[in-house]
Amino acid sequence: MQTNLFTFTSMKKFRPDHIQRLLNQQAASTLNRRDFLYGLGSSVGAVALSSLLGSSALAQGKSGGPLAPRQPMLPAKAKNCIFLMMEGGPSHIDTFDPKPKLHDLHMQKFTRQGENLSAMSSGNRYYVESPFKTRKVGQSGADMSEHFVHLADVADDICFYRGAQAESVNHPTAMYHINTGNKFGGEPGIGAWVTYGLGTENENLPAFIVLPEVAYPQGGASNWSNGFLPAYYQGTPLRSVGSPILDIKPPPGVSRYHQRESLDLLNTFNKNHAERHSAHDELAARMESYELAFRMQMEVPDIIEIEKEDEKTKELYGVGEETTDAFGRKCLLARRLIEQGVRFVQVYSGGWDSHDYLARAHGSLIRSIDKPIAGLIKDLKRRGMLDETLIVWCGEFGRSPDNGVRGGGMAYGRDHNPNAMAMWFAGGGVKAGHTIGSTDETGESAIDVVHPLQDVHVTLLRLLGLDDNKLTYFHGGRYKQLSQTGGKVIEELFA
C-alpha cells in the first residue's frame, strides 16, 4: 500500500527526518516525465540563484531572497517614496494653477479653437471661474488656493509641475495609467516596480504598502498589483478602519512556538511540492508571505500604534481633529513606515471628482489634507529624512475650465481633463521652490515643458536610482517596463 502522509492522525509522532523520508518516497512514486524535466532544467539555475542572493545578502548584512536590498542602477536622489494619490482628479485651476481669465469668461459659452461645442454636447457648456481666491506664498511665490493654509508654510520645499498630460478621461483607465503605466490594468504598480528594482530595507515588513480609503479606488486592488512580476512585489493594503491588518495577533491559546511549528511543517510540504512542480512559482511567493506574516506579528503592532507619538507630533498632522484626523493618521503612518525601511507607501484620498458643487467638495477635501501633508513635510524635514524621501502629489487627471451645468451659483463643477493636471513633488532631489511648466490662459491644456505620464514615471524611477530602460521583466514575449515603450526624464524637475 502506498504511504500517504495524510492518513496519519498526528504528525507530532514523527521526527522531521521521518517526515522528509516519507515525502521523498511519495515524490519518487508520483514524479512524471514533465516534472522530471522541469526539475532537471531548474536545479542548477536554482542553486546558482540562491548562491548569488546569498552572497549579495552577506555582503550587505541582510538575509537573501527576492526582496533583499539592491544597489540602485544610477546615483539615487531618494531611497524611498510616499505617493499621495488624490483619486477622482483634483482641479489644477482651483488648487495650484489659478486662471484669472476665467473670471472674464464666467458663464459664457465654452469654445475650443473657435468652435462652439454646445452642438456636440448634451447641453450647453459654460466657462466657470474658480470659487476660491488664490495667493502667492513662500519666497518662491507659488500659487495656492486660499484653503491651503498650512501647506503655504512649506511652499519653498515643493516643486510644482504644470506640464503633465494624461491620456484617458475615464476614472478606472486613468487610475490604471497613473499607477501602472497601462490604461487597461493587469500590470505592476509603480511601487511593485520600485521594490522589484531596489528590494526592501526591512525584512519584517512588506516593501510596498498602500493606505486606501474604506472603499477602494476605481479599478480596485489592481492599482497596486504585482501584475506579471512575481507575487513578492505586490502592494499590501492596510485597512483604514479598525485593525489595519486582520488577524495580526494570534488567536487565544496559540503561542508563537505553536505557530512556528505549524509553519515549519507547512513549509516541509510546500517545499516538497515546489521541487516536484518547479514551474509553479506562485507557491514560493505564498511560502514567503506566510513567513513574512509571522515576522510582521512582532513588528507591525508597534509601527501602526501611532498613539505612541508625542502630542506635538500628532498635532502637527492634525490627528485628533475632526477634519484632518483620518488623512493625518495615514500620513503619520506613512512616515513611520518609511522610517522603518518600507520602500514605497501610497496614500489615498478619495472624492475629488467634483462635477458639481465644486466649492463645497474641493473646499472640504483641501482642508482635510492641508495640515496632514504640511505636517508630513515638516516632520520629515526636522528628522533629516526629506532629502532621501520623494513625495509625489497628484490625481489621475485634471479638470476642465468649463462645465455643462446650466446657471451659476455654487452648483457648478468641472469635467475631466487629461490635457492639464495638478502635480507636485517634494524632497528626493527635486527643484524645491520652483514651478515648472505652464498651461494656457484658461487651464485647458499644458503648453510648456509638456510631458506624458510615461515621462513622469521615468523621472520618478530615475530619482530613486532606477533606469526605466533597464528595469525590465520578460513577459508575453518581450521585455516590459513601467513606461511601456520608454520615455524621457523631465530634467527640469531635478535640483
Protein backbone atom coordinates (compact mmCIF):
# COMPACT_ATOMS: atom_id res chain seq x y z
CA MET A 1 0.00 0.00 0.00
CA GLN A 2 1.38 3.41 -0.93
CA THR A 3 2.26 5.62 2.03
CA ASN A 4 0.07 8.67 2.31
CA LEU A 5 1.08 11.30 4.85
CA PHE A 6 -2.46 12.45 5.34
CA THR A 7 -3.54 9.05 6.74
CA PHE A 8 -1.66 9.84 9.93
CA THR A 9 -3.79 11.40 12.63
CA SER A 10 -0.98 13.23 14.40
CA MET A 11 2.20 14.39 12.72
CA LYS A 12 3.77 15.12 16.12
CA LYS A 13 4.57 11.37 16.46
CA PHE A 14 7.18 11.63 13.70
CA ARG A 15 10.53 13.37 13.67
CA PRO A 16 11.33 15.79 10.80
CA ASP A 17 13.69 13.24 9.21
CA HIS A 18 10.90 10.66 9.16
CA ILE A 19 8.56 13.14 7.54
CA GLN A 20 11.14 14.06 4.91
CA ARG A 21 11.82 10.39 4.13
CA LEU A 22 8.11 9.76 3.61
CA LEU A 23 7.82 12.84 1.42
CA ASN A 24 10.73 11.67 -0.70
CA GLN A 25 9.10 8.27 -1.11
CA GLN A 26 5.84 9.85 -2.14
CA ALA A 27 7.62 12.18 -4.57
CA ALA A 28 9.50 9.31 -6.19
CA SER A 29 6.29 7.39 -6.74
CA THR A 30 4.44 10.29 -8.35
CA LEU A 31 7.19 12.00 -10.38
CA ASN A 32 6.28 12.14 -14.06
CA ARG A 33 8.39 12.96 -17.13
CA ARG A 34 7.32 16.64 -17.32
CA ASP A 35 8.09 17.28 -13.64
CA PHE A 36 11.42 15.50 -14.01
CA LEU A 37 12.43 17.72 -16.93
CA TYR A 38 11.30 20.85 -15.09
CA GLY A 39 13.36 19.83 -12.07
CA LEU A 40 16.41 18.93 -14.16
CA GLY A 41 16.28 22.22 -16.05
CA SER A 42 15.86 24.37 -12.97
CA SER A 43 18.14 22.67 -10.46
CA VAL A 44 21.45 24.23 -11.48
CA GLY A 45 19.87 27.64 -12.05
CA ALA A 46 18.15 27.49 -8.69
CA VAL A 47 21.42 26.68 -6.93
CA ALA A 48 23.20 29.49 -8.76
CA LEU A 49 20.45 31.97 -7.96
CA SER A 50 20.47 31.01 -4.28
CA SER A 51 24.24 31.42 -4.22
CA LEU A 52 24.06 34.86 -5.81
CA LEU A 53 21.33 36.03 -3.48
CA GLY A 54 23.19 34.65 -0.50
CA SER A 55 26.48 36.30 -1.48
CA SER A 56 24.78 39.63 -2.10
CA ALA A 57 22.92 39.42 1.19
CA LEU A 58 26.03 38.50 3.16
CA ALA A 59 27.87 41.46 1.68
CA GLN A 60 25.10 43.75 2.91
CA GLY A 61 24.45 42.02 6.22
CA LYS A 62 20.91 41.05 5.19
CA SER A 63 19.03 37.83 4.58
CA GLY A 64 18.77 36.72 0.98
CA GLY A 65 15.69 36.46 -1.20
CA PRO A 66 13.79 38.34 -3.88
CA LEU A 67 13.29 41.33 -1.59
CA ALA A 68 16.91 41.61 -0.47
CA PRO A 69 18.14 45.21 -0.74
CA ARG A 70 19.85 46.02 -4.03
CA GLN A 71 22.09 48.83 -5.11
CA PRO A 72 20.49 51.49 -7.36
CA MET A 73 21.33 51.32 -11.05
CA LEU A 74 22.23 55.01 -11.08
CA PRO A 75 23.14 57.61 -8.45
CA ALA A 76 19.91 57.97 -6.47
CA LYS A 77 18.39 61.22 -5.23
CA ALA A 78 15.92 59.38 -2.98
CA LYS A 79 15.82 55.98 -1.29
CA ASN A 80 12.06 55.68 -0.75
CA CYS A 81 8.79 57.26 -1.87
CA ILE A 82 5.49 58.43 -0.39
CA PHE A 83 2.92 58.73 -3.18
CA LEU A 84 -0.12 60.86 -2.25
CA MET A 85 -2.91 59.83 -4.64
CA MET A 86 -5.92 62.17 -4.90
CA GLU A 87 -8.43 59.83 -6.53
CA GLY A 88 -11.06 61.44 -8.71
CA GLY A 89 -8.97 64.14 -10.35
CA PRO A 90 -8.31 67.34 -8.36
CA SER A 91 -8.70 70.58 -10.26
CA HIS A 92 -5.39 72.28 -11.04
CA ILE A 93 -7.35 75.51 -11.66
CA ASP A 94 -8.70 75.50 -8.11
CA THR A 95 -5.58 74.34 -6.29
CA PHE A 96 -2.16 75.36 -7.69
CA ASP A 97 -2.75 76.80 -11.18
CA PRO A 98 -5.20 79.75 -10.99
CA LYS A 99 -6.68 81.21 -14.17
CA PRO A 100 -7.83 84.86 -13.80
CA LYS A 101 -9.07 84.77 -17.42
CA LEU A 102 -11.97 82.59 -16.29
CA HIS A 103 -13.35 85.50 -14.27
CA ASP A 104 -13.92 87.39 -17.52
CA LEU A 105 -15.35 84.30 -19.26
CA HIS A 106 -17.56 83.10 -16.40
CA MET A 107 -20.87 81.65 -17.66
CA GLN A 108 -20.03 82.39 -21.30
CA LYS A 109 -20.46 79.51 -23.72
CA PHE A 110 -17.39 77.33 -23.85
CA THR A 111 -15.50 77.17 -27.15
CA ARG A 112 -12.37 75.38 -28.19
CA GLN A 113 -10.25 76.76 -31.04
CA GLY A 114 -13.14 78.95 -32.17
CA GLU A 115 -15.58 76.05 -32.30
CA ASN A 116 -18.79 76.18 -30.30
CA LEU A 117 -19.08 72.85 -28.52
CA SER A 118 -22.71 73.20 -27.49
CA ALA A 119 -23.90 71.42 -30.62
CA MET A 120 -21.63 68.49 -29.79
CA SER A 121 -22.78 68.19 -26.16
CA SER A 122 -25.94 67.05 -24.48
CA GLY A 123 -26.41 70.63 -23.37
CA ASN A 124 -24.69 73.99 -23.44
CA ARG A 125 -21.32 74.23 -21.77
CA TYR A 126 -20.06 77.28 -19.92
CA TYR A 127 -16.75 78.58 -18.69
CA VAL A 128 -16.69 78.69 -14.88
CA GLU A 129 -14.36 80.70 -12.69
CA SER A 130 -12.84 79.30 -9.54
CA PRO A 131 -14.93 79.75 -6.39
CA PHE A 132 -11.68 80.17 -4.44
CA LYS A 133 -9.26 83.01 -4.05
CA THR A 134 -5.60 82.28 -4.64
CA ARG A 135 -2.45 83.99 -3.45
CA LYS A 136 1.32 83.86 -3.81
CA VAL A 137 3.03 82.03 -0.94
CA GLY A 138 6.60 81.49 0.21
CA GLN A 139 9.70 83.20 -1.10
CA SER A 140 9.17 81.32 -4.34
CA GLY A 141 5.79 82.99 -4.87
CA ALA A 142 3.98 79.71 -5.55
CA ASP A 143 0.27 79.88 -6.38
CA MET A 144 -2.06 78.26 -3.85
CA SER A 145 -5.77 78.18 -3.15
CA GLU A 146 -6.88 80.08 -0.06
CA HIS A 147 -7.79 76.82 1.68
CA PHE A 148 -4.18 75.62 1.70
CA VAL A 149 -3.32 77.38 4.93
CA HIS A 150 -0.66 75.03 6.31
CA LEU A 151 0.85 73.90 3.02
CA ALA A 152 1.78 77.52 2.37
CA ASP A 153 4.34 77.18 5.19
CA VAL A 154 6.30 74.59 3.16
CA ALA A 155 5.77 76.04 -0.33
CA ASP A 156 9.51 76.55 -0.74
CA ASP A 157 10.09 72.81 -0.24
CA ILE A 158 7.79 71.93 -3.16
CA CYS A 159 8.37 71.67 -6.90
CA PHE A 160 5.09 72.32 -8.76
CA TYR A 161 4.79 70.79 -12.22
CA ARG A 162 2.14 72.07 -14.67
CA GLY A 163 3.18 70.30 -17.86
CA ALA A 164 1.91 66.76 -17.30
CA GLN A 165 -0.76 65.23 -19.53
CA ALA A 166 -2.75 62.03 -19.11
CA GLU A 167 -4.43 60.03 -21.89
CA SER A 168 -7.75 58.82 -20.51
CA VAL A 169 -10.90 60.61 -19.35
CA ASN A 170 -12.39 57.58 -17.60
CA HIS A 171 -11.55 57.03 -13.94
CA PRO A 172 -10.63 53.31 -13.96
CA THR A 173 -8.41 53.52 -17.04
CA ALA A 174 -6.86 56.79 -15.87
CA MET A 175 -6.16 55.29 -12.44
CA TYR A 176 -4.52 52.27 -14.02
CA HIS A 177 -2.47 54.57 -16.23
CA ILE A 178 -1.08 56.74 -13.43
CA ASN A 179 -0.49 53.73 -11.17
CA THR A 180 0.77 51.07 -13.60
CA GLY A 181 1.63 52.81 -16.87
CA ASN A 182 -1.07 50.81 -18.67
CA LYS A 183 -4.63 52.10 -19.13
CA PHE A 184 -6.12 48.61 -19.16
CA GLY A 185 -4.71 47.27 -15.90
CA GLY A 186 -3.17 43.90 -15.21
CA GLU A 187 0.36 45.26 -14.94
CA PRO A 188 2.61 46.03 -11.95
CA GLY A 189 2.02 49.15 -9.89
CA ILE A 190 4.75 51.75 -9.53
CA GLY A 191 5.55 50.51 -6.05
CA ALA A 192 5.90 46.96 -7.37
CA TRP A 193 8.43 48.11 -9.98
CA VAL A 194 10.37 50.08 -7.36
CA THR A 195 10.59 47.16 -4.94
CA TYR A 196 11.49 44.83 -7.84
CA GLY A 197 14.39 47.14 -8.61
CA LEU A 198 15.55 48.06 -5.10
CA GLY A 199 14.22 45.43 -2.68
CA THR A 200 13.45 46.37 0.90
CA GLU A 201 15.43 47.52 3.90
CA ASN A 202 13.22 45.75 6.44
CA GLU A 203 12.63 42.03 6.03
CA ASN A 204 9.87 42.09 8.65
CA LEU A 205 7.58 44.43 6.72
CA PRO A 206 6.15 44.47 3.18
CA ALA A 207 8.26 46.59 0.82
CA PHE A 208 5.20 48.21 -0.81
CA ILE A 209 2.34 49.33 1.45
CA VAL A 210 -0.93 51.01 0.44
CA LEU A 211 -3.15 53.12 2.72
CA PRO A 212 -6.51 53.25 0.91
CA GLU A 213 -9.87 54.70 1.84
CA VAL A 214 -12.58 52.43 3.28
CA ALA A 215 -13.81 51.98 -0.30
CA TYR A 216 -11.05 51.02 -2.71
CA PRO A 217 -10.37 53.41 -5.62
CA GLN A 218 -11.83 52.86 -9.07
CA GLY A 219 -10.10 49.85 -10.53
CA GLY A 220 -9.68 48.26 -7.10
CA ALA A 221 -6.60 46.44 -5.91
CA SER A 222 -5.24 46.20 -9.47
CA ASN A 223 -3.89 49.70 -8.87
CA TRP A 224 -1.21 48.21 -6.62
CA SER A 225 -0.95 44.72 -8.12
CA ASN A 226 2.29 42.90 -8.88
CA GLY A 227 0.88 42.20 -12.36
CA PHE A 228 3.23 39.86 -14.21
CA LEU A 229 6.02 40.38 -11.68
CA PRO A 230 6.42 37.67 -9.01
CA ALA A 231 3.88 37.98 -6.20
CA TYR A 232 6.55 39.15 -3.75
CA TYR A 233 6.25 42.67 -5.15
CA GLN A 234 2.52 43.33 -4.82
CA GLY A 235 1.27 46.14 -2.60
CA THR A 236 -0.06 45.31 0.85
CA PRO A 237 -3.12 47.41 1.78
CA LEU A 238 -3.68 48.36 5.41
CA ARG A 239 -7.29 48.90 6.44
CA SER A 240 -8.30 52.47 7.30
CA VAL A 241 -10.90 51.44 9.91
CA GLY A 242 -10.33 49.04 12.77
CA SER A 243 -7.22 46.93 12.87
CA PRO A 244 -5.05 47.85 9.85
CA ILE A 245 -4.28 44.16 9.35
CA LEU A 246 -6.78 41.46 10.25
CA ASP A 247 -5.55 38.59 12.44
CA ILE A 248 -2.27 40.36 13.19
CA LYS A 249 -2.44 38.80 16.65
CA PRO A 250 -2.58 35.01 17.08
CA PRO A 251 -5.84 33.61 18.46
CA PRO A 252 -6.12 32.88 22.21
CA GLY A 253 -4.25 29.78 23.25
CA VAL A 254 -1.88 29.78 20.26
CA SER A 255 1.70 30.68 21.11
CA ARG A 256 4.43 31.77 18.71
CA TYR A 257 6.08 28.41 19.37
CA HIS A 258 2.99 26.59 18.07
CA GLN A 259 2.80 28.93 15.08
CA ARG A 260 6.45 28.27 14.29
CA GLU A 261 5.90 24.51 14.46
CA SER A 262 2.90 24.75 12.13
CA LEU A 263 4.78 26.90 9.63
CA ASP A 264 7.76 24.54 9.63
CA LEU A 265 5.51 21.59 8.88
CA LEU A 266 3.66 23.52 6.18
CA ASN A 267 6.98 24.58 4.63
CA THR A 268 8.07 20.95 4.52
CA PHE A 269 5.01 20.05 2.46
CA ASN A 270 5.30 23.14 0.26
CA LYS A 271 8.98 22.70 -0.46
CA ASN A 272 8.41 19.13 -1.50
CA HIS A 273 5.59 20.21 -3.81
CA ALA A 274 7.74 23.01 -5.23
CA GLU A 275 10.55 20.60 -6.03
CA ARG A 276 8.16 18.38 -7.97
CA HIS A 277 6.37 21.27 -9.72
CA SER A 278 9.05 23.89 -10.21
CA ALA A 279 7.04 25.81 -12.83
CA HIS A 280 4.54 26.91 -10.20
CA ASP A 281 6.43 29.97 -8.97
CA GLU A 282 3.40 31.35 -7.10
CA LEU A 283 3.99 28.79 -4.36
CA ALA A 284 7.36 30.28 -3.44
CA ALA A 285 5.74 33.68 -3.01
CA ARG A 286 3.00 32.16 -0.87
CA MET A 287 5.57 30.44 1.35
CA GLU A 288 7.41 33.73 1.77
CA SER A 289 4.15 35.53 2.56
CA TYR A 290 3.49 33.08 5.42
CA GLU A 291 6.95 33.74 6.83
CA LEU A 292 6.55 37.50 6.39
CA ALA A 293 3.20 37.41 8.18
CA PHE A 294 4.84 35.56 11.07
CA ARG A 295 7.58 38.19 11.35
CA MET A 296 5.08 41.04 10.96
CA GLN A 297 3.25 39.91 14.09
CA MET A 298 6.26 41.08 16.09
CA GLU A 299 6.96 44.37 14.31
CA VAL A 300 3.72 45.72 12.86
CA PRO A 301 1.79 46.35 16.11
CA ASP A 302 4.42 48.81 17.32
CA ILE A 303 4.65 50.63 13.99
CA ILE A 304 0.93 51.10 13.43
CA GLU A 305 0.39 52.25 17.01
CA ILE A 306 0.66 55.97 16.27
CA GLU A 307 -0.73 56.85 19.69
CA LYS A 308 2.82 56.33 20.92
CA GLU A 309 3.86 59.50 19.11
CA ASP A 310 4.15 62.60 21.28
CA GLU A 311 1.27 65.07 21.33
CA LYS A 312 3.17 67.73 19.37
CA THR A 313 3.78 65.34 16.51
CA LYS A 314 0.15 64.20 16.40
CA GLU A 315 -0.97 67.82 16.44
CA LEU A 316 1.39 68.56 13.58
CA TYR A 317 -0.51 66.06 11.40
CA GLY A 318 -3.95 67.09 12.62
CA VAL A 319 -4.54 63.79 14.42
CA GLY A 320 -7.48 64.19 16.78
CA GLU A 321 -9.10 66.97 14.78
CA GLU A 322 -12.37 66.09 13.09
CA THR A 323 -11.48 67.43 9.65
CA THR A 324 -7.94 66.09 9.42
CA ASP A 325 -7.80 63.03 11.68
CA ALA A 326 -8.35 60.32 9.04
CA PHE A 327 -5.84 61.57 6.49
CA GLY A 328 -3.48 62.78 9.21
CA ARG A 329 -3.21 59.29 10.65
CA LYS A 330 -2.36 57.89 7.23
CA CYS A 331 0.34 60.49 6.62
CA LEU A 332 1.84 59.89 10.06
CA LEU A 333 1.76 56.13 9.50
CA ALA A 334 3.45 56.65 6.12
CA ARG A 335 6.32 58.44 7.83
CA ARG A 336 6.64 55.67 10.43
CA LEU A 337 6.71 53.01 7.70
CA ILE A 338 9.33 54.83 5.65
CA GLU A 339 11.35 55.33 8.81
CA GLN A 340 11.36 51.55 9.31
CA GLY A 341 12.66 50.82 5.82
CA VAL A 342 9.48 50.36 3.78
CA ARG A 343 10.42 51.31 0.23
CA PHE A 344 7.15 52.65 -1.22
CA VAL A 345 3.99 53.88 0.55
CA GLN A 346 0.93 55.02 -1.37
CA VAL A 347 -1.69 57.08 0.49
CA TYR A 348 -5.17 57.61 -0.96
CA SER A 349 -7.62 60.49 -0.59
CA GLY A 350 -10.89 59.95 -2.47
CA GLY A 351 -13.82 62.07 -3.60
CA TRP A 352 -12.11 64.61 -5.87
CA ASP A 353 -14.49 64.01 -8.82
CA SER A 354 -16.30 67.36 -8.49
CA HIS A 355 -18.73 67.67 -11.40
CA ASP A 356 -20.92 69.95 -9.32
CA TYR A 357 -20.76 71.89 -6.05
CA LEU A 358 -17.05 72.42 -6.64
CA ALA A 359 -16.71 74.99 -3.86
CA ARG A 360 -18.14 72.66 -1.24
CA ALA A 361 -16.46 69.44 -2.39
CA HIS A 362 -12.97 70.70 -3.19
CA GLY A 363 -13.03 73.11 -0.25
CA SER A 364 -13.73 70.31 2.20
CA LEU A 365 -11.16 67.97 0.68
CA ILE A 366 -8.42 70.60 0.61
CA ARG A 367 -8.97 71.31 4.31
CA SER A 368 -8.82 67.57 5.08
CA ILE A 369 -5.36 67.09 3.50
CA ASP A 370 -3.77 70.51 4.04
CA LYS A 371 -2.49 70.15 7.58
CA PRO A 372 -1.54 66.44 7.32
CA ILE A 373 0.57 66.91 4.18
CA ALA A 374 2.25 70.04 5.52
CA GLY A 375 2.90 68.15 8.75
CA LEU A 376 4.43 65.26 6.82
CA ILE A 377 6.87 67.56 5.02
CA LYS A 378 7.77 69.41 8.22
CA ASP A 379 8.23 66.17 10.16
CA LEU A 380 10.43 64.55 7.52
CA LYS A 381 12.48 67.73 7.29
CA ARG A 382 13.11 68.03 11.03
CA ARG A 383 14.13 64.35 11.19
CA GLY A 384 16.58 64.76 8.32
CA MET A 385 14.55 62.40 6.11
CA LEU A 386 13.14 64.75 3.48
CA ASP A 387 16.22 64.70 1.26
CA GLU A 388 16.07 60.92 0.94
CA THR A 389 12.27 60.65 0.67
CA LEU A 390 10.45 61.56 -2.53
CA ILE A 391 6.89 62.83 -2.00
CA VAL A 392 4.56 62.81 -5.02
CA TRP A 393 1.11 64.52 -5.06
CA CYS A 394 -1.29 64.05 -7.97
CA GLY A 395 -4.60 62.71 -9.25
CA GLU A 396 -5.35 60.65 -12.34
CA PHE A 397 -6.13 63.72 -14.48
CA GLY A 398 -7.07 67.39 -14.14
CA ARG A 399 -10.35 69.27 -14.58
CA SER A 400 -11.79 71.34 -17.41
CA PRO A 401 -12.30 75.14 -17.38
CA ASP A 402 -15.97 74.51 -18.23
CA ASN A 403 -18.99 72.56 -17.12
CA GLY A 404 -22.30 71.53 -18.67
CA VAL A 405 -24.41 72.63 -15.71
CA ARG A 406 -26.78 75.45 -16.63
CA GLY A 407 -26.91 78.50 -14.43
CA GLY A 408 -24.46 79.98 -11.98
CA GLY A 409 -24.32 79.97 -8.21
CA MET A 410 -22.39 77.33 -6.27
CA ALA A 411 -23.79 74.29 -8.14
CA TYR A 412 -21.25 74.23 -10.94
CA GLY A 413 -18.22 71.99 -11.08
CA ARG A 414 -15.72 70.80 -13.67
CA ASP A 415 -15.43 67.85 -16.04
CA HIS A 416 -12.49 65.50 -16.60
CA ASN A 417 -9.48 66.90 -18.42
CA PRO A 418 -6.46 64.76 -19.38
CA ASN A 419 -4.66 67.63 -21.10
CA ALA A 420 -3.73 69.51 -17.93
CA MET A 421 -3.37 68.22 -14.38
CA ALA A 422 -2.06 69.26 -10.98
CA MET A 423 1.12 67.57 -9.78
CA TRP A 424 3.89 68.39 -7.35
CA PHE A 425 6.98 66.80 -5.80
CA ALA A 426 8.92 67.41 -2.59
CA GLY A 427 12.21 66.10 -1.23
CA GLY A 428 14.16 63.40 -3.04
CA GLY A 429 16.31 65.66 -5.20
CA VAL A 430 13.64 67.77 -6.92
CA LYS A 431 13.96 71.50 -7.57
CA ALA A 432 12.32 72.88 -4.42
CA GLY A 433 10.71 76.30 -4.57
CA HIS A 434 10.10 76.22 -8.33
CA THR A 435 7.10 75.98 -10.64
CA ILE A 436 7.90 74.08 -13.84
CA GLY A 437 5.79 74.21 -16.99
CA SER A 438 2.53 76.04 -17.62
CA THR A 439 -0.97 75.71 -19.05
CA ASP A 440 -2.88 78.05 -21.36
CA GLU A 441 -4.85 81.05 -20.12
CA THR A 442 -7.97 79.03 -19.31
CA GLY A 443 -6.19 75.92 -17.98
CA GLU A 444 -7.50 73.70 -20.73
CA SER A 445 -4.13 72.33 -21.87
CA ALA A 446 -0.46 72.22 -20.90
CA ILE A 447 1.67 74.33 -23.24
CA ASP A 448 5.17 74.48 -21.71
CA VAL A 449 7.52 71.66 -20.60
CA VAL A 450 4.78 69.27 -21.73
CA HIS A 451 5.30 65.57 -20.99
CA PRO A 452 3.09 62.47 -20.98
CA LEU A 453 2.69 60.36 -17.87
CA GLN A 454 5.26 57.86 -19.10
CA ASP A 455 7.89 60.59 -18.73
CA VAL A 456 6.68 61.27 -15.19
CA HIS A 457 7.12 57.57 -14.43
CA VAL A 458 10.61 57.50 -15.93
CA THR A 459 11.52 60.59 -13.88
CA LEU A 460 10.20 59.07 -10.65
CA LEU A 461 12.28 55.93 -11.21
CA ARG A 462 15.37 57.97 -12.04
CA LEU A 463 15.06 59.95 -8.79
CA LEU A 464 15.12 56.59 -6.99
CA GLY A 465 18.21 55.50 -8.91
CA LEU A 466 16.44 53.22 -11.41
CA ASP A 467 16.77 53.24 -15.20
CA ASP A 468 13.41 52.52 -16.85
CA ASN A 469 15.13 51.02 -19.90
CA LYS A 470 16.99 48.53 -17.72
CA LEU A 471 14.29 47.87 -15.14
CA THR A 472 12.55 45.27 -17.32
CA TYR A 473 10.85 41.92 -16.96
CA PHE A 474 10.38 39.38 -19.72
CA HIS A 475 6.69 38.61 -20.14
CA GLY A 476 4.38 37.84 -23.03
CA GLY A 477 7.23 37.53 -25.49
CA ARG A 478 9.01 40.81 -24.77
CA TYR A 479 10.81 42.75 -22.07
CA LYS A 480 8.29 45.02 -20.35
CA GLN A 481 8.85 48.18 -18.34
CA LEU A 482 6.82 50.73 -16.37
CA SER A 483 6.81 53.28 -19.21
CA GLN A 484 5.63 50.57 -21.66
CA THR A 485 7.71 51.88 -24.59
CA GLY A 486 10.33 54.08 -22.96
CA GLY A 487 10.23 57.75 -22.12
CA LYS A 488 12.27 60.85 -21.32
CA VAL A 489 13.44 62.12 -17.96
CA ILE A 490 11.98 65.54 -17.12
CA GLU A 491 15.32 67.17 -16.40
CA GLU A 492 13.72 70.49 -15.39
CA LEU A 493 12.43 68.89 -12.18
CA PHE A 494 15.87 67.94 -10.91
CA ALA A 495 17.73 70.11 -8.39
